[in-house]
Structures are given as structure tokens and as C-alpha cells.
Amino acid sequence: MRIRLGINPLTWTNDDMPELGAATPLEICLAEGKQAGFAGFELGHKFPRDATLLRPIMARHELDLVSGWYGSRLLERDVDAEMAAAEAHISLLVAMGCKVMVHAEVARAIHGERGVALSQRPVMTDADWAIFAPRITEFAKRLKARGLCLAYHHHMGTVIESQAEIDRLMALTSREVGLLLDTGHLTFAGGDPALAARQHAGRIVHVHCKDIRRAVLGEAKARDLPFLEAVLQGVFTVPGDGCVDYPAVLKPLAAAGYAGWLVVEAEQDPAKAHPLTYARMGHDNLARLARDAFG
């Protein structure tokens, strides 16, 4: 296969809710991720941000650094200011040999607000799009000059959440702006990740594989829960444990020659969803699905 399987440490410890998995050290996350069969990890809040410290840790576990989340505020500041704010993160990813940078616009975002319902999430106006699209295009071009591809992460509770917003982002930006397809977030938003895979296969540079528990999603929407409350209720799970049609998502990517990472990113409460158990389940299910799609 041309692709590799990675995992996000959210299975063990949560960046938005640090109390989840607070006592679990980074070494346990990495050791169990390797034990489950993964080849790499994305960054989490317990990872050192100095490559001279992180490189030997990852090497000891025979793992690669896949990428790491960066939240921009391009609706509030220009590209020069954003590049300056991102410099430490960019430098770390470059030093660690990463090829993509997970990127989301977090200006006005509510995904981390425990008391704010998802129905209150921000929506960009035409005037906002006229500011944002050229700025993120320029940011992506500068990032490419540093050897990184911007992988835009549509995300619940942010200004780019829906399928229509993803489509608009792709239409208004150049090919330097890559797309991170997140199967769980798009399903949560009411979209169709298989359709997105077919429509944007040539722009997809990174994939987050999280599944959705349909019954929990229905309850979360009926109650208009905040994003993090839906996470605590168990809306997300690992690939193959929910309702996402992964063959329909992966086959268009394989046909388009996708050769990046497939990353299990299924944030759950580790006290309810045993991390190693779900890491193994996610790896084994995704490996089988990937073999079927990519050969």
C-alpha cells in the first residue's frame, strides 16, 4: 500500500479537556500506539515542542511524527502576523520531517466552549470569505515554500464545518490549500464524506478516520449539545465501530492516487473507552479497509 496508518493521542489524552487522561504519560500513549500497530502519531499537548527532545522519544518507539494541529486567526490578522505566530509550530514539523500541517481557522470558534451549543457556531459572511480565502491561500503558499502542505481541517463549531463550506473553500482557494477530510466531523455536520472524497480527491492531502455512533449523534443533535459534551457522550468512535461507509470514502482516494496518512482520531473518554482496546480495534479495522481500497 502507498498509505500509512497513524493515530492521534486523543485516544489516551484530550487536548480540549486535559482532565481526560491527565494521569497517562506520553510514554504510555506511544508504547500502546506502537503495540496496536501504528506507524506514527500526531502531536498532542504532552509532546515536547523541541525537536531535539522529541526526535529521540519518537525514535525510541520507532514512530514517525505525522503532523500537528495549528489553529489560525486569519479572520483577525494578516498573513505576516499569522506566519509569525505559527513559526515555532512550522519549525517543529519541518525538523521532524512532516509533510503536512493540520490547519483550522479558530477565530470565533466555539468547539472548545463547554457551555455553548453547536447551533451557535460562527458562520462567515461574504465579506468574511473575501478576507479569509486570499489570506489562507497566501499562507498555504508560504507554508509550501517551507516544505509543508496545508491540510485544512473542517471542524465542528468553527467557521468551516459544513459540506457547502468545504466546497466554497476549495472553490475560492488555489491548489496549495489542501483538504484534510475528517469522516467523523463531516458526518456530524450532516455531510457525506464519500461525496467529499469523490468531489475533492485531488485536493485531499490528509485523512482523519473517526467513526460516528448514529444513536448518540441523533441525541446530540436533538439536545443541541456543545461539541465537547457530545464527545463525552461518545459520539465518536474508531473506524468500523460506527455508521461511516469507509469503503465508499477510501476507494475514490485510492483511485486518485492518495499516498498520505490515514489517521485514527476518535476522541472519547478514556475512562469509558479503554485506549489500547480502541487503538487496536481502530488499527485493525482501518488496516483491513485500507487493504481493500488501496490493494
C-alpha atoms as a PDB file:
ATOM      1  CA  MET A   1       0.000   0.000   0.000  1.00  0.00           C
ATOM      2  CA  ARG A   2       1.028   3.580  -0.640  1.00  0.00           C
ATOM      3  CA  ILE A   3      -0.547   4.837   2.568  1.00  0.00           C
ATOM      4  CA  ARG A   4       0.475   4.602   6.230  1.00  0.00           C
ATOM      5  CA  LEU A   5      -1.625   4.349   9.376  1.00  0.00           C
ATOM      6  CA  GLY A   6      -1.224   6.810  12.227  1.00  0.00           C
ATOM      7  CA  ILE A   7      -3.136   7.778  15.342  1.00  0.00           C
ATOM      8  CA  ASN A   8      -3.846  10.893  17.352  1.00  0.00           C
ATOM      9  CA  PRO A   9      -3.153  10.836  21.107  1.00  0.00           C
ATOM     10  CA  LEU A  10      -6.765  11.910  21.771  1.00  0.00           C
ATOM     11  CA  THR A  11      -7.435   8.207  22.281  1.00  0.00           C
ATOM     12  CA  TRP A  12      -5.432   8.480  25.517  1.00  0.00           C
ATOM     13  CA  THR A  13      -5.388  12.170  26.493  1.00  0.00           C
ATOM     14  CA  ASN A  14      -7.566  15.054  25.333  1.00  0.00           C
ATOM     15  CA  ASP A  15      -6.192  18.456  24.340  1.00  0.00           C
ATOM     16  CA  ASP A  16      -9.523  20.283  24.732  1.00  0.00           C
ATOM     17  CA  MET A  17     -10.376  18.531  28.013  1.00  0.00           C
ATOM     18  CA  PRO A  18      -6.995  17.941  29.702  1.00  0.00           C
ATOM     19  CA  GLU A  19      -8.697  16.234  32.638  1.00  0.00           C
ATOM     20  CA  LEU A  20      -9.375  13.263  30.367  1.00  0.00           C
ATOM     21  CA  GLY A  21      -6.362  11.010  30.577  1.00  0.00           C
ATOM     22  CA  ALA A  22      -4.490  13.576  32.649  1.00  0.00           C
ATOM     23  CA  ALA A  23      -2.515  10.909  34.506  1.00  0.00           C
ATOM     24  CA  THR A  24      -1.495   8.996  31.368  1.00  0.00           C
ATOM     25  CA  PRO A  25       2.116   9.789  30.429  1.00  0.00           C
ATOM     26  CA  LEU A  26       3.247  10.305  26.852  1.00  0.00           C
ATOM     27  CA  GLU A  27       5.343   7.129  27.020  1.00  0.00           C
ATOM     28  CA  ILE A  28       2.209   5.034  27.581  1.00  0.00           C
ATOM     29  CA  CYS A  29       0.453   6.674  24.629  1.00  0.00           C
ATOM     30  CA  LEU A  30       3.363   5.993  22.306  1.00  0.00           C
ATOM     31  CA  ALA A  31       4.067   2.481  23.555  1.00  0.00           C
ATOM     32  CA  GLU A  32       0.435   1.411  23.238  1.00  0.00           C
ATOM     33  CA  GLY A  33       0.048   3.088  19.852  1.00  0.00           C
ATOM     34  CA  LYS A  34       3.040   1.138  18.582  1.00  0.00           C
ATOM     35  CA  GLN A  35       1.712  -2.029  20.198  1.00  0.00           C
ATOM     36  CA  ALA A  36      -1.581  -1.520  18.370  1.00  0.00           C
ATOM     37  CA  GLY A  37       0.326  -1.433  15.074  1.00  0.00           C
ATOM     38  CA  PHE A  38       0.509   2.255  14.141  1.00  0.00           C
ATOM     39  CA  ALA A  39       3.487   3.774  12.331  1.00  0.00           C
ATOM     40  CA  GLY A  40       3.115   7.355  13.557  1.00  0.00           C
ATOM     41  CA  PHE A  41       1.440   9.827  15.879  1.00  0.00           C
ATOM     42  CA  GLU A  42       0.078  13.315  15.545  1.00  0.00           C
ATOM     43  CA  LEU A  43       1.039  15.865  18.165  1.00  0.00           C
ATOM     44  CA  GLY A  44      -0.776  16.264  21.462  1.00  0.00           C
ATOM     45  CA  HIS A  45      -0.333  18.554  24.448  1.00  0.00           C
ATOM     46  CA  LYS A  46       2.031  16.137  26.231  1.00  0.00           C
ATOM     47  CA  PHE A  47       4.582  16.126  23.396  1.00  0.00           C
ATOM     48  CA  PRO A  48       7.698  18.302  23.795  1.00  0.00           C
ATOM     49  CA  ARG A  49       7.808  21.079  21.210  1.00  0.00           C
ATOM     50  CA  ASP A  50      11.579  20.936  20.816  1.00  0.00           C
ATOM     51  CA  ALA A  51      12.742  18.621  18.014  1.00  0.00           C
ATOM     52  CA  THR A  52      15.962  17.787  19.847  1.00  0.00           C
ATOM     53  CA  LEU A  53      13.831  16.379  22.677  1.00  0.00           C
ATOM     54  CA  LEU A  54      11.023  14.884  20.600  1.00  0.00           C
ATOM     55  CA  ARG A  55      13.127  13.155  17.950  1.00  0.00           C
ATOM     56  CA  PRO A  56      14.779  10.612  20.326  1.00  0.00           C
ATOM     57  CA  ILE A  57      11.448   9.918  22.036  1.00  0.00           C
ATOM     58  CA  MET A  58       9.792   9.041  18.752  1.00  0.00           C
ATOM     59  CA  ALA A  59      12.836   7.065  17.603  1.00  0.00           C
ATOM     60  CA  ARG A  60      12.812   5.017  20.792  1.00  0.00           C
ATOM     61  CA  HIS A  61       9.290   3.886  19.962  1.00  0.00           C
ATOM     62  CA  GLU A  62      10.071   3.510  16.233  1.00  0.00           C
ATOM     63  CA  LEU A  63       7.344   6.003  15.380  1.00  0.00           C
ATOM     64  CA  ASP A  64       7.185   8.966  13.000  1.00  0.00           C
ATOM     65  CA  LEU A  65       5.598  12.301  13.733  1.00  0.00           C
ATOM     66  CA  VAL A  66       2.677  12.592  11.312  1.00  0.00           C
ATOM     67  CA  SER A  67       1.666  16.223  11.799  1.00  0.00           C
ATOM     68  CA  GLY A  68       0.128  18.548  14.365  1.00  0.00           C
ATOM     69  CA  TRP A  69      -2.885  20.852  14.717  1.00  0.00           C
ATOM     70  CA  TYR A  70      -2.484  24.586  14.209  1.00  0.00           C
ATOM     71  CA  GLY A  71      -5.377  26.962  14.819  1.00  0.00           C
ATOM     72  CA  SER A  72      -5.100  30.163  12.792  1.00  0.00           C
ATOM     73  CA  ARG A  73      -6.836  33.528  13.233  1.00  0.00           C
ATOM     74  CA  LEU A  74      -6.666  34.759   9.673  1.00  0.00           C
ATOM     75  CA  LEU A  75     -10.025  36.478  10.047  1.00  0.00           C
ATOM     76  CA  GLU A  76      -8.393  38.699  12.654  1.00  0.00           C
ATOM     77  CA  ARG A  77      -4.796  39.187  11.492  1.00  0.00           C
ATOM     78  CA  ASP A  78      -2.833  39.315   8.260  1.00  0.00           C
ATOM     79  CA  VAL A  79      -0.610  36.622   6.809  1.00  0.00           C
ATOM     80  CA  ASP A  80       2.618  38.127   8.116  1.00  0.00           C
ATOM     81  CA  ALA A  81       1.250  38.076  11.668  1.00  0.00           C
ATOM     82  CA  GLU A  82      -0.073  34.537  11.224  1.00  0.00           C
ATOM     83  CA  MET A  83       3.240  33.256   9.923  1.00  0.00           C
ATOM     84  CA  ALA A  84       4.999  34.787  12.913  1.00  0.00           C
ATOM     85  CA  ALA A  85       2.504  33.172  15.299  1.00  0.00           C
ATOM     86  CA  ALA A  86       2.923  29.789  13.605  1.00  0.00           C
ATOM     87  CA  GLU A  87       6.705  29.848  13.289  1.00  0.00           C
ATOM     88  CA  ALA A  88       7.554  27.607  16.239  1.00  0.00           C
ATOM     89  CA  HIS A  89       4.998  25.025  15.108  1.00  0.00           C
ATOM     90  CA  ILE A  90       6.143  25.151  11.496  1.00  0.00           C
ATOM     91  CA  SER A  91       9.783  24.777  12.507  1.00  0.00           C
ATOM     92  CA  LEU A  92       8.983  21.738  14.667  1.00  0.00           C
ATOM     93  CA  LEU A  93       7.059  19.971  11.897  1.00  0.00           C
ATOM     94  CA  VAL A  94       9.804  20.671   9.369  1.00  0.00           C
ATOM     95  CA  ALA A  95      12.509  19.476  11.753  1.00  0.00           C
ATOM     96  CA  MET A  96      10.541  16.266  12.392  1.00  0.00           C
ATOM     97  CA  GLY A  97      10.160  15.505   8.696  1.00  0.00           C
ATOM     98  CA  CYS A  98       6.405  16.082   8.463  1.00  0.00           C
ATOM     99  CA  LYS A  99       4.850  16.703   5.054  1.00  0.00           C
ATOM    100  CA  VAL A 100       1.531  18.282   6.069  1.00  0.00           C
ATOM    101  CA  MET A 101       0.296  20.730   8.696  1.00  0.00           C
ATOM    102  CA  VAL A 102      -3.182  20.215  10.120  1.00  0.00           C
ATOM    103  CA  HIS A 103      -4.776  23.651   9.963  1.00  0.00           C
ATOM    104  CA  ALA A 104      -8.115  25.063  11.103  1.00  0.00           C
ATOM    105  CA  GLU A 105      -9.411  28.607  11.428  1.00  0.00           C
ATOM    106  CA  VAL A 106     -10.344  29.117  15.085  1.00  0.00           C
ATOM    107  CA  ALA A 107     -11.351  32.786  15.095  1.00  0.00           C
ATOM    108  CA  ARG A 108     -14.847  32.934  16.650  1.00  0.00           C
ATOM    109  CA  ALA A 109     -14.838  29.138  17.145  1.00  0.00           C
ATOM    110  CA  ILE A 110     -16.947  27.552  19.897  1.00  0.00           C
ATOM    111  CA  HIS A 111     -15.765  23.938  19.722  1.00  0.00           C
ATOM    112  CA  GLY A 112     -13.861  24.314  22.979  1.00  0.00           C
ATOM    113  CA  GLU A 113     -16.672  26.102  24.838  1.00  0.00           C
ATOM    114  CA  ARG A 114     -18.288  23.615  27.188  1.00  0.00           C
ATOM    115  CA  GLY A 115     -21.445  25.715  27.657  1.00  0.00           C
ATOM    116  CA  VAL A 116     -22.145  26.796  24.067  1.00  0.00           C
ATOM    117  CA  ALA A 117     -24.454  24.735  21.856  1.00  0.00           C
ATOM    118  CA  LEU A 118     -23.290  23.829  18.370  1.00  0.00           C
ATOM    119  CA  SER A 119     -26.242  25.714  16.893  1.00  0.00           C
ATOM    120  CA  GLN A 120     -24.447  28.888  17.990  1.00  0.00           C
ATOM    121  CA  ARG A 121     -21.345  28.200  15.929  1.00  0.00           C
ATOM    122  CA  PRO A 122     -19.943  31.037  13.765  1.00  0.00           C
ATOM    123  CA  VAL A 123     -20.806  31.401  10.086  1.00  0.00           C
ATOM    124  CA  MET A 124     -18.759  33.519   7.696  1.00  0.00           C
ATOM    125  CA  THR A 125     -20.390  36.291   5.680  1.00  0.00           C
ATOM    126  CA  ASP A 126     -19.497  37.018   2.068  1.00  0.00           C
ATOM    127  CA  ALA A 127     -17.271  39.802   3.386  1.00  0.00           C
ATOM    128  CA  ASP A 128     -15.512  37.345   5.708  1.00  0.00           C
ATOM    129  CA  TRP A 129     -14.873  34.952   2.823  1.00  0.00           C
ATOM    130  CA  ALA A 130     -13.402  37.796   0.791  1.00  0.00           C
ATOM    131  CA  ILE A 131     -10.861  38.320   3.581  1.00  0.00           C
ATOM    132  CA  PHE A 132     -10.243  34.710   4.526  1.00  0.00           C
ATOM    133  CA  ALA A 133      -9.822  32.996   1.155  1.00  0.00           C
ATOM    134  CA  PRO A 134      -6.907  35.099  -0.150  1.00  0.00           C
ATOM    135  CA  ARG A 135      -5.225  35.069   3.248  1.00  0.00           C
ATOM    136  CA  ILE A 136      -5.301  31.294   3.639  1.00  0.00           C
ATOM    137  CA  THR A 137      -4.175  30.902   0.033  1.00  0.00           C
ATOM    138  CA  GLU A 138      -1.150  33.083   0.683  1.00  0.00           C
ATOM    139  CA  PHE A 139      -0.477  31.342   3.991  1.00  0.00           C
ATOM    140  CA  ALA A 140      -0.545  27.970   2.203  1.00  0.00           C
ATOM    141  CA  LYS A 141       1.859  29.207  -0.468  1.00  0.00           C
ATOM    142  CA  ARG A 142       4.330  30.373   2.172  1.00  0.00           C
ATOM    143  CA  LEU A 143       3.947  27.089   4.015  1.00  0.00           C
ATOM    144  CA  LYS A 144       4.659  25.177   0.804  1.00  0.00           C
ATOM    145  CA  ALA A 145       7.892  27.140   0.434  1.00  0.00           C
ATOM    146  CA  ARG A 146       8.877  25.673   3.827  1.00  0.00           C
ATOM    147  CA  GLY A 147       8.175  22.141   2.608  1.00  0.00           C
ATOM    148  CA  LEU A 148       4.769  21.670   4.235  1.00  0.00           C
ATOM    149  CA  CYS A 149       1.365  21.245   2.653  1.00  0.00           C
ATOM    150  CA  LEU A 150      -1.526  22.954   4.410  1.00  0.00           C
ATOM    151  CA  ALA A 151      -4.204  20.372   5.266  1.00  0.00           C
ATOM    152  CA  TYR A 152      -7.358  22.328   6.058  1.00  0.00           C
ATOM    153  CA  HIS A 153      -9.372  20.670   8.837  1.00  0.00           C
ATOM    154  CA  HIS A 154     -13.110  21.365   8.657  1.00  0.00           C
ATOM    155  CA  HIS A 155     -14.297  21.079  12.258  1.00  0.00           C
ATOM    156  CA  MET A 156     -17.495  21.213  14.252  1.00  0.00           C
ATOM    157  CA  GLY A 157     -18.032  24.567  15.938  1.00  0.00           C
ATOM    158  CA  THR A 158     -15.771  26.512  13.564  1.00  0.00           C
ATOM    159  CA  VAL A 159     -16.333  28.754  10.536  1.00  0.00           C
ATOM    160  CA  ILE A 160     -15.803  25.849   8.127  1.00  0.00           C
ATOM    161  CA  GLU A 161     -17.948  22.950   9.257  1.00  0.00           C
ATOM    162  CA  SER A 162     -20.466  22.023   6.556  1.00  0.00           C
ATOM    163  CA  GLN A 163     -20.066  20.360   3.180  1.00  0.00           C
ATOM    164  CA  ALA A 164     -21.083  23.606   1.454  1.00  0.00           C
ATOM    165  CA  GLU A 165     -18.371  25.496   3.331  1.00  0.00           C
ATOM    166  CA  ILE A 166     -15.760  22.921   2.352  1.00  0.00           C
ATOM    167  CA  ASP A 167     -16.866  23.232  -1.265  1.00  0.00           C
ATOM    168  CA  ARG A 168     -16.639  27.018  -1.084  1.00  0.00           C
ATOM    169  CA  LEU A 169     -13.165  26.895   0.467  1.00  0.00           C
ATOM    170  CA  MET A 170     -11.942  24.636  -2.320  1.00  0.00           C
ATOM    171  CA  ALA A 171     -13.540  26.851  -4.986  1.00  0.00           C
ATOM    172  CA  LEU A 172     -12.088  30.098  -3.634  1.00  0.00           C
ATOM    173  CA  THR A 173      -8.529  28.925  -3.000  1.00  0.00           C
ATOM    174  CA  SER A 174      -5.656  27.591  -5.069  1.00  0.00           C
ATOM    175  CA  ARG A 175      -4.373  24.037  -5.013  1.00  0.00           C
ATOM    176  CA  GLU A 176      -1.783  24.984  -2.401  1.00  0.00           C
ATOM    177  CA  VAL A 177      -4.660  24.809   0.084  1.00  0.00           C
ATOM    178  CA  GLY A 178      -5.056  21.097   0.668  1.00  0.00           C
ATOM    179  CA  LEU A 179      -8.018  19.470   2.371  1.00  0.00           C
ATOM    180  CA  LEU A 180      -7.978  17.285   5.444  1.00  0.00           C
ATOM    181  CA  LEU A 181     -11.007  15.030   5.112  1.00  0.00           C
ATOM    182  CA  ASP A 182     -12.359  14.168   8.552  1.00  0.00           C
ATOM    183  CA  THR A 183     -15.004  11.468   8.194  1.00  0.00           C
ATOM    184  CA  GLY A 184     -16.424  11.998  11.674  1.00  0.00           C
ATOM    185  CA  HIS A 185     -16.689  15.771  11.625  1.00  0.00           C
ATOM    186  CA  LEU A 186     -18.305  15.842   8.196  1.00  0.00           C
ATOM    187  CA  THR A 187     -20.834  13.165   9.158  1.00  0.00           C
ATOM    188  CA  PHE A 188     -21.591  15.089  12.371  1.00  0.00           C
ATOM    189  CA  ALA A 189     -22.124  18.229  10.286  1.00  0.00           C
ATOM    190  CA  GLY A 190     -24.714  16.460   8.150  1.00  0.00           C
ATOM    191  CA  GLY A 191     -22.444  15.982   5.158  1.00  0.00           C
ATOM    192  CA  ASP A 192     -21.354  12.956   3.168  1.00  0.00           C
ATOM    193  CA  PRO A 193     -17.645  12.117   3.444  1.00  0.00           C
ATOM    194  CA  ALA A 194     -17.857   9.731   0.483  1.00  0.00           C
ATOM    195  CA  LEU A 195     -19.219  12.545  -1.704  1.00  0.00           C
ATOM    196  CA  ALA A 196     -16.497  14.878  -0.452  1.00  0.00           C
ATOM    197  CA  ALA A 197     -13.897  12.225  -1.265  1.00  0.00           C
ATOM    198  CA  ARG A 198     -15.219  11.941  -4.803  1.00  0.00           C
ATOM    199  CA  GLN A 199     -15.503  15.688  -5.363  1.00  0.00           C
ATOM    200  CA  HIS A 200     -12.196  16.743  -3.813  1.00  0.00           C
ATOM    201  CA  ALA A 201      -9.930  13.707  -4.135  1.00  0.00           C
ATOM    202  CA  GLY A 202      -7.317  15.776  -5.950  1.00  0.00           C
ATOM    203  CA  ARG A 203      -7.118  18.257  -3.075  1.00  0.00           C
ATOM    204  CA  ILE A 204      -7.211  15.803  -0.136  1.00  0.00           C
ATOM    205  CA  VAL A 205      -3.749  15.631   1.452  1.00  0.00           C
ATOM    206  CA  HIS A 206      -4.587  14.155   4.867  1.00  0.00           C
ATOM    207  CA  VAL A 207      -7.379  11.996   6.300  1.00  0.00           C
ATOM    208  CA  HIS A 208      -8.726  11.727   9.837  1.00  0.00           C
ATOM    209  CA  CYS A 209     -10.627   8.495  10.324  1.00  0.00           C
ATOM    210  CA  LYS A 210     -13.181   8.729  13.086  1.00  0.00           C
ATOM    211  CA  ASP A 211     -16.488   6.929  13.064  1.00  0.00           C
ATOM    212  CA  ILE A 212     -19.875   8.076  14.376  1.00  0.00           C
ATOM    213  CA  ARG A 213     -22.290   6.341  16.709  1.00  0.00           C
ATOM    214  CA  ARG A 214     -25.533   7.145  14.935  1.00  0.00           C
ATOM    215  CA  ALA A 215     -27.767   6.953  18.018  1.00  0.00           C
ATOM    216  CA  VAL A 216     -25.508   9.254  20.028  1.00  0.00           C
ATOM    217  CA  LEU A 217     -25.349  11.698  17.128  1.00  0.00           C
ATOM    218  CA  GLY A 218     -29.138  11.805  16.935  1.00  0.00           C
ATOM    219  CA  GLU A 219     -29.365  12.506  20.650  1.00  0.00           C
ATOM    220  CA  ALA A 220     -26.648  15.177  20.485  1.00  0.00           C
ATOM    221  CA  LYS A 221     -28.456  16.977  17.684  1.00  0.00           C
ATOM    222  CA  ALA A 222     -31.860  16.646  19.335  1.00  0.00           C
ATOM    223  CA  ARG A 223     -30.477  18.174  22.538  1.00  0.00           C
ATOM    224  CA  ASP A 224     -28.280  20.705  20.663  1.00  0.00           C
ATOM    225  CA  LEU A 225     -25.296  19.751  22.788  1.00  0.00           C
ATOM    226  CA  PRO A 226     -21.993  21.631  22.914  1.00  0.00           C
ATOM    227  CA  PHE A 227     -19.303  19.843  20.921  1.00  0.00           C
ATOM    228  CA  LEU A 228     -17.318  18.614  23.909  1.00  0.00           C
ATOM    229  CA  GLU A 229     -20.463  17.332  25.626  1.00  0.00           C
ATOM    230  CA  ALA A 230     -21.217  15.274  22.506  1.00  0.00           C
ATOM    231  CA  VAL A 231     -17.670  13.890  22.694  1.00  0.00           C
ATOM    232  CA  LEU A 232     -18.200  12.925  26.331  1.00  0.00           C
ATOM    233  CA  GLN A 233     -21.456  11.207  25.393  1.00  0.00           C
ATOM    234  CA  GLY A 234     -19.493   9.051  22.920  1.00  0.00           C
ATOM    235  CA  VAL A 235     -20.493  10.480  19.542  1.00  0.00           C
ATOM    236  CA  PHE A 236     -17.106   9.498  18.055  1.00  0.00           C
ATOM    237  CA  THR A 237     -15.509   6.072  17.867  1.00  0.00           C
ATOM    238  CA  VAL A 238     -12.835   4.320  15.833  1.00  0.00           C
ATOM    239  CA  PRO A 239     -13.281   3.232  12.186  1.00  0.00           C
ATOM    240  CA  GLY A 240     -15.545   0.237  11.743  1.00  0.00           C
ATOM    241  CA  ASP A 241     -17.391   0.815  15.033  1.00  0.00           C
ATOM    242  CA  GLY A 242     -19.977   3.256  13.694  1.00  0.00           C
ATOM    243  CA  CYS A 243     -22.025   4.270  10.666  1.00  0.00           C
ATOM    244  CA  VAL A 244     -19.424   5.776   8.284  1.00  0.00           C
ATOM    245  CA  ASP A 245     -19.164   3.933   4.958  1.00  0.00           C
ATOM    246  CA  TYR A 246     -15.385   3.680   4.777  1.00  0.00           C
ATOM    247  CA  PRO A 247     -15.147   1.703   1.519  1.00  0.00           C
ATOM    248  CA  ALA A 248     -17.087   4.494  -0.200  1.00  0.00           C
ATOM    249  CA  VAL A 249     -14.700   7.069   1.279  1.00  0.00           C
ATOM    250  CA  LEU A 250     -11.418   5.294   0.618  1.00  0.00           C
ATOM    251  CA  LYS A 251     -11.980   3.981  -2.889  1.00  0.00           C
ATOM    252  CA  PRO A 252     -12.096   7.441  -4.555  1.00  0.00           C
ATOM    253  CA  LEU A 253      -8.918   8.383  -2.693  1.00  0.00           C
ATOM    254  CA  ALA A 254      -7.180   5.243  -3.906  1.00  0.00           C
ATOM    255  CA  ALA A 255      -8.333   5.913  -7.471  1.00  0.00           C
ATOM    256  CA  ALA A 256      -6.893   9.432  -7.249  1.00  0.00           C
ATOM    257  CA  GLY A 257      -3.523   8.105  -6.074  1.00  0.00           C
ATOM    258  CA  TYR A 258      -3.691   9.269  -2.466  1.00  0.00           C
ATOM    259  CA  ALA A 259      -0.401   8.364  -0.789  1.00  0.00           C
ATOM    260  CA  GLY A 260      -0.528  10.065   2.607  1.00  0.00           C
ATOM    261  CA  TRP A 261      -1.504   9.068   6.130  1.00  0.00           C
ATOM    262  CA  LEU A 262      -4.788   7.648   7.357  1.00  0.00           C
ATOM    263  CA  VAL A 263      -5.021   8.767  10.975  1.00  0.00           C
ATOM    264  CA  VAL A 264      -7.329   7.317  13.595  1.00  0.00           C
ATOM    265  CA  GLU A 265      -8.588  10.312  15.525  1.00  0.00           C
ATOM    266  CA  ALA A 266     -11.517   9.275  17.671  1.00  0.00           C
ATOM    267  CA  GLU A 267     -11.698  11.310  20.830  1.00  0.00           C
ATOM    268  CA  GLN A 268     -13.523   9.510  23.610  1.00  0.00           C
ATOM    269  CA  ASP A 269     -13.435   9.461  27.379  1.00  0.00           C
ATOM    270  CA  PRO A 270     -10.573   7.005  28.099  1.00  0.00           C
ATOM    271  CA  ALA A 271     -12.290   6.001  31.345  1.00  0.00           C
ATOM    272  CA  LYS A 272     -15.156   4.618  29.245  1.00  0.00           C
ATOM    273  CA  ALA A 273     -13.304   3.590  26.077  1.00  0.00           C
ATOM    274  CA  HIS A 274     -10.147   1.681  27.068  1.00  0.00           C
ATOM    275  CA  PRO A 275      -7.400   3.316  24.945  1.00  0.00           C
ATOM    276  CA  LEU A 276      -5.385   0.250  23.940  1.00  0.00           C
ATOM    277  CA  THR A 277      -8.537  -1.730  23.158  1.00  0.00           C
ATOM    278  CA  TYR A 278      -9.878   1.004  20.882  1.00  0.00           C
ATOM    279  CA  ALA A 279      -6.464   1.705  19.363  1.00  0.00           C
ATOM    280  CA  ARG A 280      -6.178  -1.953  18.358  1.00  0.00           C
ATOM    281  CA  MET A 281      -9.732  -2.013  17.065  1.00  0.00           C
ATOM    282  CA  GLY A 282      -9.167   1.174  15.077  1.00  0.00           C
ATOM    283  CA  HIS A 283      -5.904  -0.055  13.606  1.00  0.00           C
ATOM    284  CA  ASP A 284      -7.145  -3.488  12.650  1.00  0.00           C
ATOM    285  CA  ASN A 285     -10.381  -2.211  11.116  1.00  0.00           C
ATOM    286  CA  LEU A 286      -8.651   0.582   9.229  1.00  0.00           C
ATOM    287  CA  ALA A 287      -5.862  -1.707   8.014  1.00  0.00           C
ATOM    288  CA  ARG A 288      -8.434  -4.092   6.573  1.00  0.00           C
ATOM    289  CA  LEU A 289     -10.420  -1.276   4.972  1.00  0.00           C
ATOM    290  CA  ALA A 290      -7.256   0.269   3.546  1.00  0.00           C
ATOM    291  CA  ARG A 291      -6.068  -3.050   2.095  1.00  0.00           C
ATOM    292  CA  ASP A 292      -9.427  -3.485   0.385  1.00  0.00           C
ATOM    293  CA  ALA A 293      -9.351   0.026  -1.078  1.00  0.00           C
ATOM    294  CA  PHE A 294      -5.664   0.538  -1.886  1.00  0.00           C
ATOM    295  CA  GLY A 295      -4.569  -3.028  -2.565  1.00  0.00           C
END
